[in-house]
Amino acid sequence: MQCALCRNKECLIGKNCSVIKSKLEYAGNDLKSIQISAWLESDPAKRTKLEEIVIYSKRLGYSKIGIAFCIEHEREARLVYDILSRYFEVFSVCCKVCSLEKESLGIRKTGNLELEAACNPVGQALLLNDDCTDLNITLGLKTGYDILFAEYSEAPSIALPLLELPYLGDSEIDFID
């Protein structure tokens, strides 16, 4: 597939130009997920990604949300935690959890610290797995760490863009039924 190069986009009017059968059959939670996503897509209200995540999660009946964040974005993680905790039980874990020593992993230290901690995305995922989260949000994890986190997370995970966070404020999220 080369959809990025397609100029016609006949898929918008129902043409199937792929090798996948035209009518995949969604059922159960997959069907509910795609229905909620399609509603969010077509709803004229402009929402932030975090608002969409809250609406999506509430409609799927999620009750536990995890936040895996880079320690450099602790302020933003706290803001997201405060907003999500209005609606869910929230768990959070920073990237330096378990204080893995860089040298023990064969990584050269970048500073003059006696012990320099490496990020631990697998540890983040395992801890949120222990909390039985329904959905995990990654916030500012560096490339590679986010991939490892997603691989080991038992719950689905989604990245939250940092750019929108200063604009969230204290507003309540409007749930349209």
Protein backbone atom coordinates (compact mmCIF):
# COMPACT_ATOMS: atom_id res chain seq x y z
CA MET A 1 0.00 0.00 0.00
CA GLN A 2 1.13 3.52 -0.75
CA CYS A 3 -1.82 5.58 0.51
CA ALA A 4 0.42 8.57 1.25
CA LEU A 5 1.13 8.83 -2.48
CA CYS A 6 -2.45 8.31 -3.66
CA ARG A 7 -4.05 11.40 -5.18
CA ASN A 8 -7.57 10.01 -5.72
CA LYS A 9 -8.47 8.71 -2.25
CA GLU A 10 -11.40 6.77 -3.69
CA CYS A 11 -11.58 4.94 -0.36
CA LEU A 12 -13.57 7.97 0.82
CA ILE A 13 -16.41 6.89 -1.48
CA GLY A 14 -16.18 3.19 -0.69
CA LYS A 15 -13.68 1.82 -3.21
CA ASN A 16 -11.59 -1.04 -1.85
CA CYS A 17 -8.15 -0.86 -3.43
CA SER A 18 -6.52 -3.22 -0.93
CA VAL A 19 -6.15 -6.98 -0.76
CA ILE A 20 -8.15 -7.06 2.48
CA LYS A 21 -11.77 -8.03 2.03
CA SER A 22 -13.96 -4.97 1.95
CA LYS A 23 -16.14 -5.70 4.96
CA LEU A 24 -14.09 -6.83 7.92
CA GLU A 25 -16.28 -8.17 10.66
CA TYR A 26 -15.87 -6.39 13.96
CA ALA A 27 -17.42 -7.92 17.07
CA GLY A 28 -17.42 -7.49 20.84
CA ASN A 29 -15.09 -4.84 22.24
CA ASP A 30 -13.51 -4.29 18.80
CA LEU A 31 -16.93 -3.34 17.43
CA LYS A 32 -17.65 -1.05 20.39
CA SER A 33 -14.19 0.53 20.00
CA ILE A 34 -14.63 1.27 16.31
CA GLN A 35 -18.14 2.64 16.92
CA ILE A 36 -16.85 5.05 19.58
CA SER A 37 -13.91 6.05 17.39
CA ALA A 38 -16.19 6.70 14.41
CA TRP A 39 -18.46 8.81 16.59
CA LEU A 40 -15.46 10.85 17.84
CA GLU A 41 -14.29 11.28 14.24
CA SER A 42 -17.64 12.52 12.97
CA ASP A 43 -18.69 14.62 15.96
CA PRO A 44 -18.29 18.31 15.11
CA ALA A 45 -16.99 19.22 18.58
CA LYS A 46 -13.28 20.04 18.64
CA ARG A 47 -11.59 18.11 21.41
CA THR A 48 -8.08 17.58 22.66
CA LYS A 49 -6.57 14.10 22.50
CA LEU A 50 -6.93 13.83 26.29
CA GLU A 51 -10.63 14.66 26.07
CA GLU A 52 -11.02 12.00 23.38
CA ILE A 53 -9.18 9.47 25.56
CA VAL A 54 -11.49 10.19 28.49
CA ILE A 55 -14.65 9.87 26.40
CA TYR A 56 -13.39 6.73 24.66
CA SER A 57 -12.37 5.13 27.97
CA LYS A 58 -15.61 6.00 29.76
CA ARG A 59 -17.71 4.61 26.91
CA LEU A 60 -15.71 1.37 26.90
CA GLY A 61 -16.24 1.06 30.65
CA TYR A 62 -12.60 1.46 31.60
CA SER A 63 -11.98 2.29 35.23
CA LYS A 64 -8.17 2.13 35.59
CA ILE A 65 -5.82 4.29 33.54
CA GLY A 66 -2.03 4.15 33.67
CA ILE A 67 0.41 6.93 32.85
CA ALA A 68 3.97 6.00 31.85
CA PHE A 69 5.95 9.23 31.67
CA CYS A 70 9.44 10.57 31.11
CA ILE A 71 10.72 12.19 34.29
CA GLU A 72 11.50 15.31 32.24
CA HIS A 73 7.74 15.77 31.90
CA GLU A 74 6.76 15.32 35.53
CA ARG A 75 4.76 18.57 35.56
CA GLU A 76 2.71 17.49 32.55
CA ALA A 77 2.22 14.01 34.04
CA ARG A 78 0.83 15.59 37.20
CA LEU A 79 -1.57 17.71 35.14
CA VAL A 80 -2.78 14.66 33.20
CA TYR A 81 -3.05 12.69 36.47
CA ASP A 82 -5.15 15.45 38.07
CA ILE A 83 -7.52 15.58 35.09
CA LEU A 84 -7.88 11.82 34.66
CA SER A 85 -8.39 11.21 38.38
CA ARG A 86 -11.70 13.08 38.10
CA TYR A 87 -13.01 10.16 36.06
CA PHE A 88 -10.81 7.10 36.72
CA GLU A 89 -8.55 5.37 39.17
CA VAL A 90 -5.14 6.50 37.90
CA PHE A 91 -1.71 4.93 38.30
CA SER A 92 1.52 6.58 37.20
CA VAL A 93 5.10 5.45 36.84
CA CYS A 94 8.13 7.50 35.79
CA CYS A 95 10.79 6.29 33.40
CA LYS A 96 13.52 5.98 36.04
CA VAL A 97 11.56 3.46 38.11
CA CYS A 98 13.72 0.76 39.79
CA SER A 99 16.87 2.89 39.23
CA LEU A 100 18.68 0.68 36.78
CA GLU A 101 22.34 1.68 36.62
CA LYS A 102 23.42 2.63 33.09
CA GLU A 103 26.81 0.98 33.44
CA SER A 104 25.18 -2.34 34.45
CA LEU A 105 23.41 -2.26 31.08
CA GLY A 106 26.58 -1.51 29.15
CA ILE A 107 25.60 2.13 28.65
CA ARG A 108 28.22 4.83 29.11
CA LYS A 109 27.33 7.46 31.69
CA THR A 110 26.76 10.96 30.35
CA GLY A 111 27.49 12.85 33.57
CA ASN A 112 29.76 12.72 36.60
CA LEU A 113 27.22 11.14 38.90
CA GLU A 114 28.30 8.10 40.89
CA LEU A 115 25.18 6.25 39.79
CA GLU A 116 23.36 7.34 36.66
CA ALA A 117 19.92 5.77 36.31
CA ALA A 118 18.73 4.45 32.96
CA CYS A 119 15.11 4.52 31.85
CA ASN A 120 13.17 1.33 32.44
CA PRO A 121 10.21 1.10 30.03
CA VAL A 122 9.75 -2.63 30.62
CA GLY A 123 9.58 -1.96 34.36
CA GLN A 124 7.01 0.77 33.74
CA ALA A 125 4.85 -1.64 31.75
CA LEU A 126 5.18 -4.44 34.30
CA LEU A 127 4.18 -2.16 37.17
CA LEU A 128 1.11 -0.92 35.31
CA ASN A 129 0.31 -4.53 34.41
CA ASP A 130 0.35 -5.28 38.16
CA ASP A 131 -2.15 -2.44 38.63
CA CYS A 132 -4.45 -4.12 36.05
CA THR A 133 -4.90 -0.94 34.05
CA ASP A 134 -7.45 -0.92 31.23
CA LEU A 135 -5.53 1.63 29.15
CA ASN A 136 -2.05 3.12 29.42
CA ILE A 137 -1.02 6.57 28.28
CA THR A 138 2.60 7.29 27.43
CA LEU A 139 3.78 10.81 27.98
CA GLY A 140 7.12 11.97 26.60
CA LEU A 141 8.83 8.57 26.45
CA LYS A 142 11.81 8.68 24.10
CA THR A 143 11.83 6.68 20.87
CA GLY A 144 12.59 3.07 21.62
CA TYR A 145 11.42 3.35 25.21
CA ASP A 146 7.88 3.92 23.95
CA ILE A 147 8.20 0.87 21.69
CA LEU A 148 9.43 -1.36 24.52
CA PHE A 149 6.70 -0.06 26.80
CA ALA A 150 3.98 -0.86 24.23
CA GLU A 151 5.45 -4.32 23.66
CA TYR A 152 5.30 -5.25 27.36
CA SER A 153 2.09 -3.46 28.31
CA GLU A 154 -0.82 -5.87 28.69
CA ALA A 155 -3.31 -3.01 28.29
CA PRO A 156 -3.55 -1.07 25.05
CA SER A 157 -1.39 2.05 25.09
CA ILE A 158 -1.62 5.42 23.42
CA ALA A 159 0.82 8.32 23.24
CA LEU A 160 -0.45 11.69 24.43
CA PRO A 161 1.12 14.62 22.58
CA LEU A 162 2.84 17.04 24.94
CA LEU A 163 2.01 20.06 22.78
CA GLU A 164 -1.64 20.23 23.81
CA LEU A 165 -1.14 19.98 27.56
CA PRO A 166 -0.59 23.66 28.47
CA TYR A 167 -4.02 24.44 27.00
CA LEU A 168 -6.05 21.98 29.04
CA GLY A 169 -6.64 24.10 32.13
CA ASP A 170 -9.28 23.02 34.61
CA SER A 171 -12.16 22.45 32.23
CA GLU A 172 -14.46 19.50 32.69
CA ILE A 173 -14.78 17.11 29.80
CA ASP A 174 -18.16 17.21 28.12
CA PHE A 175 -19.66 13.75 27.60
CA ILE A 176 -22.16 13.68 24.78
CA ASP A 177 -24.34 10.58 24.79
